[in-house]
């Protein structure tokens, strides 16, 4: 799960890493969320999952039955820094591999012609 806004880091819990539960918005709600910044403020703090869904707390929704659920704990600033560093390291590796693959595909097309 990838967090955005202030929900990414929460030092207020200290050692008591309290579990959190977030529920996915329905497609209609997500479309409204993406189109109107004031709606985003109403749902904050929110999380954007690696599945592309937007997750918010149950206090922001009317009815949570049938929605996709995320359960986890907020990270502290040390762990957030470690995660950001790892994503940065892996991201550059992914870009390098994508460039290599693209060059190989281009080379294969010219050889087959």
PDB file of N, CA and C in Angstrom:
ATOM      1  N   UNK A   1       0.852  -1.164   0.000  1.00  0.00           N
ATOM      2  CA  UNK A   1       0.000   0.000   0.000  1.00  0.00           C
ATOM      3  C   UNK A   1       0.896   1.224   0.000  1.00  0.00           C
ATOM      4  N   UNK A   2       0.631   2.141  -0.877  1.00  0.00           N
ATOM      5  CA  UNK A   2       1.374   3.389  -0.926  1.00  0.00           C
ATOM      6  C   UNK A   2       0.513   4.487  -0.325  1.00  0.00           C
ATOM      7  N   UNK A   3       1.053   5.229   0.606  1.00  0.00           N
ATOM      8  CA  UNK A   3       0.300   6.300   1.235  1.00  0.00           C
ATOM      9  C   UNK A   3       0.651   7.639   0.627  1.00  0.00           C
ATOM     10  N   UNK A   4      -0.284   8.534   0.639  1.00  0.00           N
ATOM     11  CA  UNK A   4      -0.036   9.909   0.219  1.00  0.00           C
ATOM     12  C   UNK A   4      -0.516  10.826   1.330  1.00  0.00           C
ATOM     13  N   UNK A   5      -0.144  12.082   1.219  1.00  0.00           N
ATOM     14  CA  UNK A   5      -0.486  13.094   2.202  1.00  0.00           C
ATOM     15  C   UNK A   5       0.108  12.716   3.553  1.00  0.00           C
ATOM     16  N   UNK A   6      -0.467  13.190   4.631  1.00  0.00           N
ATOM     17  CA  UNK A   6       0.110  13.000   5.950  1.00  0.00           C
ATOM     18  C   UNK A   6      -0.117  11.608   6.506  1.00  0.00           C
ATOM     19  N   UNK A   7      -0.895  10.780   5.848  1.00  0.00           N
ATOM     20  CA  UNK A   7      -1.124   9.432   6.358  1.00  0.00           C
ATOM     21  C   UNK A   7       0.090   8.542   6.154  1.00  0.00           C
ATOM     22  N   UNK A   8       1.076   9.006   5.355  1.00  0.00           N
ATOM     23  CA  UNK A   8       2.247   8.173   5.092  1.00  0.00           C
ATOM     24  C   UNK A   8       3.096   7.996   6.339  1.00  0.00           C
ATOM     25  N   UNK A   9       3.291   9.048   7.100  1.00  0.00           N
ATOM     26  CA  UNK A   9       4.118   8.986   8.299  1.00  0.00           C
ATOM     27  C   UNK A   9       3.296   9.444   9.485  1.00  0.00           C
ATOM     28  N   UNK A  10       3.325   8.675  10.547  1.00  0.00           N
ATOM     29  CA  UNK A  10       2.596   9.054  11.743  1.00  0.00           C
ATOM     30  C   UNK A  10       3.453   8.754  12.964  1.00  0.00           C
ATOM     31  N   UNK A  11       4.107   9.778  13.491  1.00  0.00           N
ATOM     32  CA  UNK A  11       4.946   9.620  14.678  1.00  0.00           C
ATOM     33  C   UNK A  11       4.149   9.763  15.974  1.00  0.00           C
ATOM     34  N   UNK A  12       2.903  10.142  15.887  1.00  0.00           N
ATOM     35  CA  UNK A  12       2.125  10.397  17.090  1.00  0.00           C
ATOM     36  C   UNK A  12       1.847   9.126  17.890  1.00  0.00           C
ATOM     37  N   UNK A  13       1.903   7.968  17.254  1.00  0.00           N
ATOM     38  CA  UNK A  13       1.616   6.722  17.949  1.00  0.00           C
ATOM     39  C   UNK A  13       2.835   6.191  18.705  1.00  0.00           C
ATOM     40  N   UNK A  14       4.046   6.688  18.355  1.00  0.00           N
ATOM     41  CA  UNK A  14       5.256   6.211  19.020  1.00  0.00           C
ATOM     42  C   UNK A  14       5.400   4.705  18.907  1.00  0.00           C
ATOM     43  N   UNK A  15       5.642   4.062  20.003  1.00  0.00           N
ATOM     44  CA  UNK A  15       5.862   2.612  19.998  1.00  0.00           C
ATOM     45  C   UNK A  15       4.561   1.831  19.915  1.00  0.00           C
ATOM     46  N   UNK A  16       3.430   2.501  20.084  1.00  0.00           N
ATOM     47  CA  UNK A  16       2.140   1.808  20.084  1.00  0.00           C
ATOM     48  C   UNK A  16       1.572   1.648  18.695  1.00  0.00           C
ATOM     49  N   UNK A  17       2.221   1.345  17.720  1.00  0.00           N
ATOM     50  CA  UNK A  17       1.796   1.250  16.325  1.00  0.00           C
ATOM     51  C   UNK A  17       0.373   0.690  16.209  1.00  0.00           C
ATOM     52  N   UNK A  18      -0.607   1.550  16.311  1.00  0.00           N
ATOM     53  CA  UNK A  18      -2.021   1.178  16.306  1.00  0.00           C
ATOM     54  C   UNK A  18      -2.443   0.772  14.894  1.00  0.00           C
ATOM     55  N   UNK A  19      -3.027  -0.422  14.746  1.00  0.00           N
ATOM     56  CA  UNK A  19      -3.485  -0.833  13.400  1.00  0.00           C
ATOM     57  C   UNK A  19      -4.548   0.105  12.847  1.00  0.00           C
ATOM     58  N   UNK A  20      -4.539   0.294  11.529  1.00  0.00           N
ATOM     59  CA  UNK A  20      -5.542   1.101  10.858  1.00  0.00           C
ATOM     60  C   UNK A  20      -6.280   0.244   9.841  1.00  0.00           C
ATOM     61  N   UNK A  21      -7.487   0.629   9.558  1.00  0.00           N
ATOM     62  CA  UNK A  21      -8.293  -0.050   8.541  1.00  0.00           C
ATOM     63  C   UNK A  21      -8.793   1.011   7.578  1.00  0.00           C
ATOM     64  N   UNK A  22      -8.660   0.756   6.296  1.00  0.00           N
ATOM     65  CA  UNK A  22      -9.123   1.671   5.254  1.00  0.00           C
ATOM     66  C   UNK A  22      -9.989   0.879   4.280  1.00  0.00           C
ATOM     67  N   UNK A  23     -10.964   1.562   3.691  1.00  0.00           N
ATOM     68  CA  UNK A  23     -11.896   0.944   2.759  1.00  0.00           C
ATOM     69  C   UNK A  23     -11.799   1.622   1.404  1.00  0.00           C
ATOM     70  N   UNK A  24     -11.882   0.842   0.341  1.00  0.00           N
ATOM     71  CA  UNK A  24     -11.751   1.372  -1.023  1.00  0.00           C
ATOM     72  C   UNK A  24     -13.011   2.124  -1.430  1.00  0.00           C
ATOM     73  N   UNK A  25     -12.804   3.202  -2.181  1.00  0.00           N
ATOM     74  CA  UNK A  25     -13.934   3.928  -2.752  1.00  0.00           C
ATOM     75  C   UNK A  25     -14.491   3.135  -3.933  1.00  0.00           C
ATOM     76  N   UNK A  26     -15.791   3.244  -4.146  1.00  0.00           N
ATOM     77  CA  UNK A  26     -16.412   2.652  -5.330  1.00  0.00           C
ATOM     78  C   UNK A  26     -15.967   3.462  -6.551  1.00  0.00           C
ATOM     79  N   UNK A  27     -16.030   2.898  -7.753  1.00  0.00           N
ATOM     80  CA  UNK A  27     -15.597   3.630  -8.955  1.00  0.00           C
ATOM     81  C   UNK A  27     -16.257   5.000  -9.116  1.00  0.00           C
ATOM     82  N   UNK A  28     -17.538   5.105  -8.825  1.00  0.00           N
ATOM     83  CA  UNK A  28     -18.241   6.390  -8.929  1.00  0.00           C
ATOM     84  C   UNK A  28     -17.656   7.398  -7.939  1.00  0.00           C
ATOM     85  N   UNK A  29     -17.383   6.947  -6.709  1.00  0.00           N
ATOM     86  CA  UNK A  29     -16.794   7.828  -5.701  1.00  0.00           C
ATOM     87  C   UNK A  29     -15.375   8.238  -6.090  1.00  0.00           C
ATOM     88  N   UNK A  30     -14.616   7.294  -6.641  1.00  0.00           N
ATOM     89  CA  UNK A  30     -13.238   7.580  -7.055  1.00  0.00           C
ATOM     90  C   UNK A  30     -13.212   8.599  -8.189  1.00  0.00           C
ATOM     91  N   UNK A  31     -14.162   8.509  -9.121  1.00  0.00           N
ATOM     92  CA  UNK A  31     -14.229   9.474 -10.221  1.00  0.00           C
ATOM     93  C   UNK A  31     -14.503  10.875  -9.677  1.00  0.00           C
ATOM     94  N   UNK A  32     -15.404  10.970  -8.711  1.00  0.00           N
ATOM     95  CA  UNK A  32     -15.709  12.251  -8.086  1.00  0.00           C
ATOM     96  C   UNK A  32     -14.491  12.759  -7.304  1.00  0.00           C
ATOM     97  N   UNK A  33     -13.813  11.860  -6.614  1.00  0.00           N
ATOM     98  CA  UNK A  33     -12.605  12.193  -5.853  1.00  0.00           C
ATOM     99  C   UNK A  33     -11.534  12.790  -6.766  1.00  0.00           C
ATOM    100  N   UNK A  34     -11.315  12.167  -7.914  1.00  0.00           N
ATOM    101  CA  UNK A  34     -10.290  12.624  -8.853  1.00  0.00           C
ATOM    102  C   UNK A  34     -10.655  13.950  -9.519  1.00  0.00           C
ATOM    103  N   UNK A  35     -11.935  14.220  -9.657  1.00  0.00           N
ATOM    104  CA  UNK A  35     -12.381  15.414 -10.379  1.00  0.00           C
ATOM    105  C   UNK A  35     -12.485  16.653  -9.495  1.00  0.00           C
ATOM    106  N   UNK A  36     -12.615  16.463  -8.180  1.00  0.00           N
ATOM    107  CA  UNK A  36     -12.889  17.613  -7.314  1.00  0.00           C
ATOM    108  C   UNK A  36     -11.955  17.646  -6.106  1.00  0.00           C
ATOM    109  N   UNK A  37     -11.017  18.596  -6.065  1.00  0.00           N
ATOM    110  CA  UNK A  37     -10.070  18.700  -4.945  1.00  0.00           C
ATOM    111  C   UNK A  37     -10.740  18.854  -3.577  1.00  0.00           C
ATOM    112  N   UNK A  38     -11.898  19.494  -3.526  1.00  0.00           N
ATOM    113  CA  UNK A  38     -12.574  19.641  -2.229  1.00  0.00           C
ATOM    114  C   UNK A  38     -13.010  18.286  -1.677  1.00  0.00           C
ATOM    115  N   UNK A  39     -13.334  17.365  -2.568  1.00  0.00           N
ATOM    116  CA  UNK A  39     -13.687  16.007  -2.143  1.00  0.00           C
ATOM    117  C   UNK A  39     -12.453  15.330  -1.546  1.00  0.00           C
ATOM    118  N   UNK A  40     -11.286  15.547  -2.139  1.00  0.00           N
ATOM    119  CA  UNK A  40     -10.048  14.964  -1.626  1.00  0.00           C
ATOM    120  C   UNK A  40      -9.793  15.437  -0.202  1.00  0.00           C
ATOM    121  N   UNK A  41     -10.035  16.709   0.059  1.00  0.00           N
ATOM    122  CA  UNK A  41      -9.847  17.243   1.409  1.00  0.00           C
ATOM    123  C   UNK A  41     -10.813  16.600   2.388  1.00  0.00           C
ATOM    124  N   UNK A  42     -12.028  16.331   1.939  1.00  0.00           N
ATOM    125  CA  UNK A  42     -13.014  15.710   2.823  1.00  0.00           C
ATOM    126  C   UNK A  42     -12.615  14.285   3.196  1.00  0.00           C
ATOM    127  N   UNK A  43     -11.959  13.563   2.254  1.00  0.00           N
ATOM    128  CA  UNK A  43     -11.570  12.177   2.508  1.00  0.00           C
ATOM    129  C   UNK A  43     -10.227  12.051   3.223  1.00  0.00           C
ATOM    130  N   UNK A  44      -9.447  13.137   3.346  1.00  0.00           N
ATOM    131  CA  UNK A  44      -8.108  13.062   3.943  1.00  0.00           C
ATOM    132  C   UNK A  44      -8.199  12.645   5.410  1.00  0.00           C
ATOM    133  N   UNK A  45      -7.211  11.893   5.909  1.00  0.00           N
ATOM    134  CA  UNK A  45      -6.099  11.323   5.155  1.00  0.00           C
ATOM    135  C   UNK A  45      -6.581  10.117   4.349  1.00  0.00           C
ATOM    136  N   UNK A  46      -6.013   9.951   3.188  1.00  0.00           N
ATOM    137  CA  UNK A  46      -6.390   8.838   2.331  1.00  0.00           C
ATOM    138  C   UNK A  46      -5.130   8.114   1.875  1.00  0.00           C
ATOM    139  N   UNK A  47      -5.327   6.930   1.343  1.00  0.00           N
ATOM    140  CA  UNK A  47      -4.202   6.144   0.838  1.00  0.00           C
ATOM    141  C   UNK A  47      -4.518   5.740  -0.585  1.00  0.00           C
ATOM    142  N   UNK A  48      -3.494   5.690  -1.414  1.00  0.00           N
ATOM    143  CA  UNK A  48      -3.656   5.178  -2.767  1.00  0.00           C
ATOM    144  C   UNK A  48      -2.920   3.857  -2.810  1.00  0.00           C
ATOM    145  N   UNK A  49      -3.644   2.796  -3.070  1.00  0.00           N
ATOM    146  CA  UNK A  49      -3.055   1.469  -3.068  1.00  0.00           C
ATOM    147  C   UNK A  49      -2.310   1.162  -4.347  1.00  0.00           C
ATOM    148  N   UNK A  50      -1.406   0.187  -4.254  1.00  0.00           N
ATOM    149  CA  UNK A  50      -0.681  -0.236  -5.450  1.00  0.00           C
ATOM    150  C   UNK A  50      -1.633  -0.900  -6.446  1.00  0.00           C
ATOM    151  N   UNK A  51      -2.860  -1.197  -6.022  1.00  0.00           N
ATOM    152  CA  UNK A  51      -3.873  -1.726  -6.933  1.00  0.00           C
ATOM    153  C   UNK A  51      -4.623  -0.606  -7.648  1.00  0.00           C
ATOM    154  N   UNK A  52      -4.248   0.656  -7.367  1.00  0.00           N
ATOM    155  CA  UNK A  52      -4.869   1.796  -8.033  1.00  0.00           C
ATOM    156  C   UNK A  52      -6.129   2.305  -7.356  1.00  0.00           C
ATOM    157  N   UNK A  53      -6.557   1.656  -6.282  1.00  0.00           N
ATOM    158  CA  UNK A  53      -7.761   2.094  -5.586  1.00  0.00           C
ATOM    159  C   UNK A  53      -7.427   3.129  -4.529  1.00  0.00           C
ATOM    160  N   UNK A  54      -8.416   3.940  -4.169  1.00  0.00           N
ATOM    161  CA  UNK A  54      -8.266   4.960  -3.143  1.00  0.00           C
ATOM    162  C   UNK A  54      -8.923   4.421  -1.879  1.00  0.00           C
ATOM    163  N   UNK A  55      -8.151   4.430  -0.782  1.00  0.00           N
ATOM    164  CA  UNK A  55      -8.631   3.890   0.487  1.00  0.00           C
ATOM    165  C   UNK A  55      -8.794   5.012   1.499  1.00  0.00           C
ATOM    166  N   UNK A  56      -9.926   5.011   2.209  1.00  0.00           N
ATOM    167  CA  UNK A  56     -10.214   6.035   3.218  1.00  0.00           C
ATOM    168  C   UNK A  56     -10.744   5.345   4.474  1.00  0.00           C
ATOM    169  N   UNK A  57     -10.790   6.115   5.576  1.00  0.00           N
ATOM    170  CA  UNK A  57     -11.313   5.578   6.830  1.00  0.00           C
ATOM    171  C   UNK A  57     -12.820   5.399   6.789  1.00  0.00           C
ATOM    172  N   UNK A  58     -13.313   4.496   7.646  1.00  0.00           N
ATOM    173  CA  UNK A  58     -14.755   4.233   7.666  1.00  0.00           C
ATOM    174  C   UNK A  58     -15.555   5.429   8.143  1.00  0.00           C
ATOM    175  N   UNK A  59     -14.912   6.354   8.873  1.00  0.00           N
ATOM    176  CA  UNK A  59     -15.619   7.545   9.326  1.00  0.00           C
ATOM    177  C   UNK A  59     -15.934   8.512   8.188  1.00  0.00           C
ATOM    178  N   UNK A  60     -15.346   8.279   7.011  1.00  0.00           N
ATOM    179  CA  UNK A  60     -15.568   9.143   5.843  1.00  0.00           C
ATOM    180  C   UNK A  60     -16.626   8.584   4.895  1.00  0.00           C
ATOM    181  N   UNK A  61     -17.135   7.385   5.190  1.00  0.00           N
ATOM    182  CA  UNK A  61     -18.025   6.687   4.254  1.00  0.00           C
ATOM    183  C   UNK A  61     -19.370   6.380   4.882  1.00  0.00           C
ATOM    184  N   UNK A  62     -20.345   6.207   4.020  1.00  0.00           N
ATOM    185  CA  UNK A  62     -21.642   5.705   4.441  1.00  0.00           C
ATOM    186  C   UNK A  62     -21.704   4.262   3.960  1.00  0.00           C
ATOM    187  N   UNK A  63     -21.602   3.341   4.877  1.00  0.00           N
ATOM    188  CA  UNK A  63     -21.658   1.921   4.532  1.00  0.00           C
ATOM    189  C   UNK A  63     -20.345   1.400   3.980  1.00  0.00           C
ATOM    190  N   UNK A  64     -19.779   0.392   4.638  1.00  0.00           N
ATOM    191  CA  UNK A  64     -18.506  -0.167   4.194  1.00  0.00           C
ATOM    192  C   UNK A  64     -18.651  -1.610   3.707  1.00  0.00           C
ATOM    193  N   UNK A  65     -19.839  -2.145   3.782  1.00  0.00           N
ATOM    194  CA  UNK A  65     -20.075  -3.527   3.381  1.00  0.00           C
ATOM    195  C   UNK A  65     -19.764  -3.737   1.902  1.00  0.00           C
ATOM    196  N   UNK A  66     -19.003  -4.776   1.598  1.00  0.00           N
ATOM    197  CA  UNK A  66     -18.688  -5.135   0.219  1.00  0.00           C
ATOM    198  C   UNK A  66     -17.499  -4.405  -0.378  1.00  0.00           C
ATOM    199  N   UNK A  67     -16.923  -3.474   0.352  1.00  0.00           N
ATOM    200  CA  UNK A  67     -15.765  -2.741  -0.164  1.00  0.00           C
ATOM    201  C   UNK A  67     -14.484  -3.533   0.091  1.00  0.00           C
ATOM    202  N   UNK A  68     -13.463  -3.309  -0.767  1.00  0.00           N
ATOM    203  CA  UNK A  68     -12.147  -3.866  -0.522  1.00  0.00           C
ATOM    204  C   UNK A  68     -11.571  -3.224   0.727  1.00  0.00           C
ATOM    205  N   UNK A  69     -10.854  -4.016   1.538  1.00  0.00           N
ATOM    206  CA  UNK A  69     -10.347  -3.540   2.815  1.00  0.00           C
ATOM    207  C   UNK A  69      -8.828  -3.621   2.844  1.00  0.00           C
ATOM    208  N   UNK A  70      -8.196  -2.604   3.426  1.00  0.00           N
ATOM    209  CA  UNK A  70      -6.767  -2.630   3.718  1.00  0.00           C
ATOM    210  C   UNK A  70      -6.606  -2.501   5.216  1.00  0.00           C
ATOM    211  N   UNK A  71      -5.774  -3.373   5.804  1.00  0.00           N
ATOM    212  CA  UNK A  71      -5.444  -3.277   7.224  1.00  0.00           C
ATOM    213  C   UNK A  71      -3.935  -3.189   7.354  1.00  0.00           C
ATOM    214  N   UNK A  72      -3.457  -2.287   8.173  1.00  0.00           N
ATOM    215  CA  UNK A  72      -2.024  -2.126   8.365  1.00  0.00           C
ATOM    216  C   UNK A  72      -1.741  -1.211   9.535  1.00  0.00           C
ATOM    217  N   UNK A  73      -0.494  -0.770   9.634  1.00  0.00           N
ATOM    218  CA  UNK A  73      -0.099   0.159  10.688  1.00  0.00           C
ATOM    219  C   UNK A  73       0.627   1.339  10.066  1.00  0.00           C
ATOM    220  N   UNK A  74       0.482   2.518  10.654  1.00  0.00           N
ATOM    221  CA  UNK A  74       1.242   3.673  10.148  1.00  0.00           C
ATOM    222  C   UNK A  74       2.732   3.448  10.375  1.00  0.00           C
ATOM    223  N   UNK A  75       3.558   3.988   9.521  1.00  0.00           N
ATOM    224  CA  UNK A  75       5.003   3.862   9.690  1.00  0.00           C
ATOM    225  C   UNK A  75       5.538   5.088  10.417  1.00  0.00           C
ATOM    226  N   UNK A  76       6.652   4.897  11.130  1.00  0.00           N
ATOM    227  CA  UNK A  76       7.291   6.056  11.750  1.00  0.00           C
ATOM    228  C   UNK A  76       8.249   6.673  10.740  1.00  0.00           C
ATOM    229  N   UNK A  77       8.834   7.814  11.066  1.00  0.00           N
ATOM    230  CA  UNK A  77       9.649   8.538  10.083  1.00  0.00           C
ATOM    231  C   UNK A  77      10.914   7.772   9.701  1.00  0.00           C
ATOM    232  N   UNK A  78      11.493   6.976  10.613  1.00  0.00           N
ATOM    233  CA  UNK A  78      12.684   6.178  10.265  1.00  0.00           C
ATOM    234  C   UNK A  78      12.348   5.126   9.215  1.00  0.00           C
ATOM    235  N   UNK A  79      11.242   4.413   9.435  1.00  0.00           N
ATOM    236  CA  UNK A  79      10.840   3.391   8.469  1.00  0.00           C
ATOM    237  C   UNK A  79      10.417   4.024   7.153  1.00  0.00           C
ATOM    238  N   UNK A  80       9.745   5.173   7.204  1.00  0.00           N
ATOM    239  CA  UNK A  80       9.347   5.864   5.975  1.00  0.00           C
ATOM    240  C   UNK A  80      10.569   6.241   5.150  1.00  0.00           C
ATOM    241  N   UNK A  81      11.636   6.704   5.805  1.00  0.00           N
ATOM    242  CA  UNK A  81      12.867   7.059   5.093  1.00  0.00           C
ATOM    243  C   UNK A  81      13.490   5.825   4.453  1.00  0.00           C
ATOM    244  N   UNK A  82      13.468   4.710   5.161  1.00  0.00           N
ATOM    245  CA  UNK A  82      14.005   3.452   4.628  1.00  0.00           C
ATOM    246  C   UNK A  82      13.198   2.988   3.412  1.00  0.00           C
ATOM    247  N   UNK A  83      11.883   3.068   3.508  1.00  0.00           N
ATOM    248  CA  UNK A  83      11.013   2.662   2.399  1.00  0.00           C
ATOM    249  C   UNK A  83      11.248   3.557   1.187  1.00  0.00           C
ATOM    250  N   UNK A  84      11.332   4.863   1.409  1.00  0.00           N
ATOM    251  CA  UNK A  84      11.553   5.797   0.300  1.00  0.00           C
ATOM    252  C   UNK A  84      12.888   5.518  -0.380  1.00  0.00           C
ATOM    253  N   UNK A  85      13.914   5.222   0.412  1.00  0.00           N
ATOM    254  CA  UNK A  85      15.233   4.914  -0.151  1.00  0.00           C
ATOM    255  C   UNK A  85      15.178   3.635  -0.996  1.00  0.00           C
ATOM    256  N   UNK A  86      14.472   2.635  -0.506  1.00  0.00           N
ATOM    257  CA  UNK A  86      14.364   1.361  -1.228  1.00  0.00           C
ATOM    258  C   UNK A  86      13.578   1.541  -2.529  1.00  0.00           C
ATOM    259  N   UNK A  87      12.500   2.310  -2.485  1.00  0.00           N
ATOM    260  CA  UNK A  87      11.719   2.570  -3.704  1.00  0.00           C
ATOM    261  C   UNK A  87      12.579   3.315  -4.714  1.00  0.00           C
ATOM    262  N   UNK A  88      13.351   4.274  -4.256  1.00  0.00           N
ATOM    263  CA  UNK A  88      14.233   5.032  -5.146  1.00  0.00           C
ATOM    264  C   UNK A  88      15.269   4.110  -5.781  1.00  0.00           C
ATOM    265  N   UNK A  89      15.860   3.219  -4.965  1.00  0.00           N
ATOM    266  CA  UNK A  89      16.871   2.289  -5.476  1.00  0.00           C
ATOM    267  C   UNK A  89      16.257   1.333  -6.501  1.00  0.00           C
ATOM    268  N   UNK A  90      15.115   0.770  -6.172  1.00  0.00           N
ATOM    269  CA  UNK A  90      14.469  -0.171  -7.089  1.00  0.00           C
ATOM    270  C   UNK A  90      13.949   0.522  -8.337  1.00  0.00           C
ATOM    271  N   UNK A  91      13.471   1.748  -8.184  1.00  0.00           N
ATOM    272  CA  UNK A  91      12.947   2.492  -9.329  1.00  0.00           C
ATOM    273  C   UNK A  91      13.991   2.692 -10.410  1.00  0.00           C
ATOM    274  N   UNK A  92      15.210   3.033 -10.015  1.00  0.00           N
ATOM    275  CA  UNK A  92      16.256   3.224 -11.022  1.00  0.00           C
ATOM    276  C   UNK A  92      16.624   1.905 -11.691  1.00  0.00           C
ATOM    277  N   UNK A  93      16.560   0.802 -10.951  1.00  0.00           N
ATOM    278  CA  UNK A  93      16.811  -0.509 -11.549  1.00  0.00           C
ATOM    279  C   UNK A  93      15.746  -0.852 -12.583  1.00  0.00           C
ATOM    280  N   UNK A  94      14.499  -0.556 -12.264  1.00  0.00           N
ATOM    281  CA  UNK A  94      13.391  -0.844 -13.183  1.00  0.00           C
ATOM    282  C   UNK A  94      13.543  -0.031 -14.457  1.00  0.00           C
ATOM    283  N   UNK A  95      13.899   1.243 -14.330  1.00  0.00           N
ATOM    284  CA  UNK A  95      14.091   2.101 -15.512  1.00  0.00           C
ATOM    285  C   UNK A  95      15.221   1.558 -16.378  1.00  0.00           C
ATOM    286  N   UNK A  96      16.324   1.160 -15.759  1.00  0.00           N
ATOM    287  CA  UNK A  96      17.465   0.618 -16.513  1.00  0.00           C
ATOM    288  C   UNK A  96      17.068  -0.652 -17.255  1.00  0.00           C
ATOM    289  N   UNK A  97      16.341  -1.542 -16.597  1.00  0.00           N
ATOM    290  CA  UNK A  97      15.903  -2.785 -17.244  1.00  0.00           C
ATOM    291  C   UNK A  97      14.927  -2.512 -18.385  1.00  0.00           C
ATOM    292  N   UNK A  98      14.053  -1.526 -18.205  1.00  0.00           N
ATOM    293  CA  UNK A  98      13.104  -1.174 -19.266  1.00  0.00           C
ATOM    294  C   UNK A  98      13.843  -0.641 -20.487  1.00  0.00           C
ATOM    295  N   UNK A  99      14.877   0.155 -20.284  1.00  0.00           N
ATOM    296  CA  UNK A  99      15.659   0.679 -21.409  1.00  0.00           C
ATOM    297  C   UNK A  99      16.372  -0.445 -22.147  1.00  0.00           C
ATOM    298  N   UNK A 100      16.934  -1.387 -21.407  1.00  0.00           N
ATOM    299  CA  UNK A 100      17.619  -2.528 -22.023  1.00  0.00           C
ATOM    300  C   UNK A 100      16.626  -3.336 -22.853  1.00  0.00           C
ATOM    301  N   UNK A 101      15.445  -3.604 -22.272  1.00  0.00           N
ATOM    302  CA  UNK A 101      14.427  -4.381 -22.984  1.00  0.00           C
ATOM    303  C   UNK A 101      13.975  -3.673 -24.247  1.00  0.00           C
ATOM    304  N   UNK A 102      13.808  -2.351 -24.171  1.00  0.00           N
ATOM    305  CA  UNK A 102      13.382  -1.576 -25.344  1.00  0.00           C
ATOM    306  C   UNK A 102      14.435  -1.656 -26.452  1.00  0.00           C
ATOM    307  N   UNK A 103      15.709  -1.543 -26.094  1.00  0.00           N
ATOM    308  CA  UNK A 103      16.782  -1.638 -27.087  1.00  0.00           C
ATOM    309  C   UNK A 103      16.817  -3.030 -27.715  1.00  0.00           C
ATOM    310  N   UNK A 104      16.616  -4.043 -26.901  1.00  0.00           N
ATOM    311  CA  UNK A 104      16.611  -5.408 -27.421  1.00  0.00           C
ATOM    312  C   UNK A 104      15.442  -5.620 -28.380  1.00  0.00           C
ATOM    313  N   UNK A 105      14.282  -5.077 -28.043  1.00  0.00           N
ATOM    314  CA  UNK A 105      13.128  -5.207 -28.937  1.00  0.00           C
ATOM    315  C   UNK A 105      13.362  -4.476 -30.241  1.00  0.00           C
ATOM    316  N   UNK A 106      13.952  -3.298 -30.160  1.00  0.00           N
ATOM    317  CA  UNK A 106      14.249  -2.532 -31.383  1.00  0.00           C
ATOM    318  C   UNK A 106      15.245  -3.274 -32.254  1.00  0.00           C
ATOM    319  N   UNK A 107      16.253  -3.884 -31.623  1.00  0.00           N
ATOM    320  CA  UNK A 107      17.255  -4.657 -32.361  1.00  0.00           C
ATOM    321  C   UNK A 107      16.649  -5.892 -33.013  1.00  0.00           C
ATOM    322  N   UNK A 108      15.717  -6.538 -32.338  1.00  0.00           N
ATOM    323  CA  UNK A 108      15.060  -7.719 -32.878  1.00  0.00           C
ATOM    324  C   UNK A 108      14.202  -7.370 -34.092  1.00  0.00           C
ATOM    325  N   UNK A 109      13.557  -6.215 -34.062  1.00  0.00           N
ATOM    326  CA  UNK A 109      12.715  -5.783 -35.193  1.00  0.00           C
ATOM    327  C   UNK A 109      13.552  -5.484 -36.418  1.00  0.00           C
ATOM    328  N   UNK A 110      14.725  -4.872 -36.245  1.00  0.00           N
ATOM    329  CA  UNK A 110      15.560  -4.545 -37.399  1.00  0.00           C
ATOM    330  C   UNK A 110      16.195  -5.795 -37.995  1.00  0.00           C
ATOM    331  N   UNK A 111      16.478  -6.791 -37.166  1.00  0.00           N
ATOM    332  CA  UNK A 111      17.061  -8.042 -37.676  1.00  0.00           C
ATOM    333  C   UNK A 111      16.045  -8.867 -38.453  1.00  0.00           C
ATOM    334  N   UNK A 112      14.765  -8.771 -38.042  1.00  0.00           N
ATOM    335  CA  UNK A 112      13.725  -9.581 -38.708  1.00  0.00           C
ATOM    336  C   UNK A 112      13.254  -8.979 -40.014  1.00  0.00           C
ATOM    337  N   UNK A 113      13.595  -7.741 -40.286  1.00  0.00           N
ATOM    338  CA  UNK A 113      13.129  -7.077 -41.520  1.00  0.00           C
ATOM    339  C   UNK A 113      13.980  -7.440 -42.694  1.00  0.00           C
TER     340      UNK A 113
END
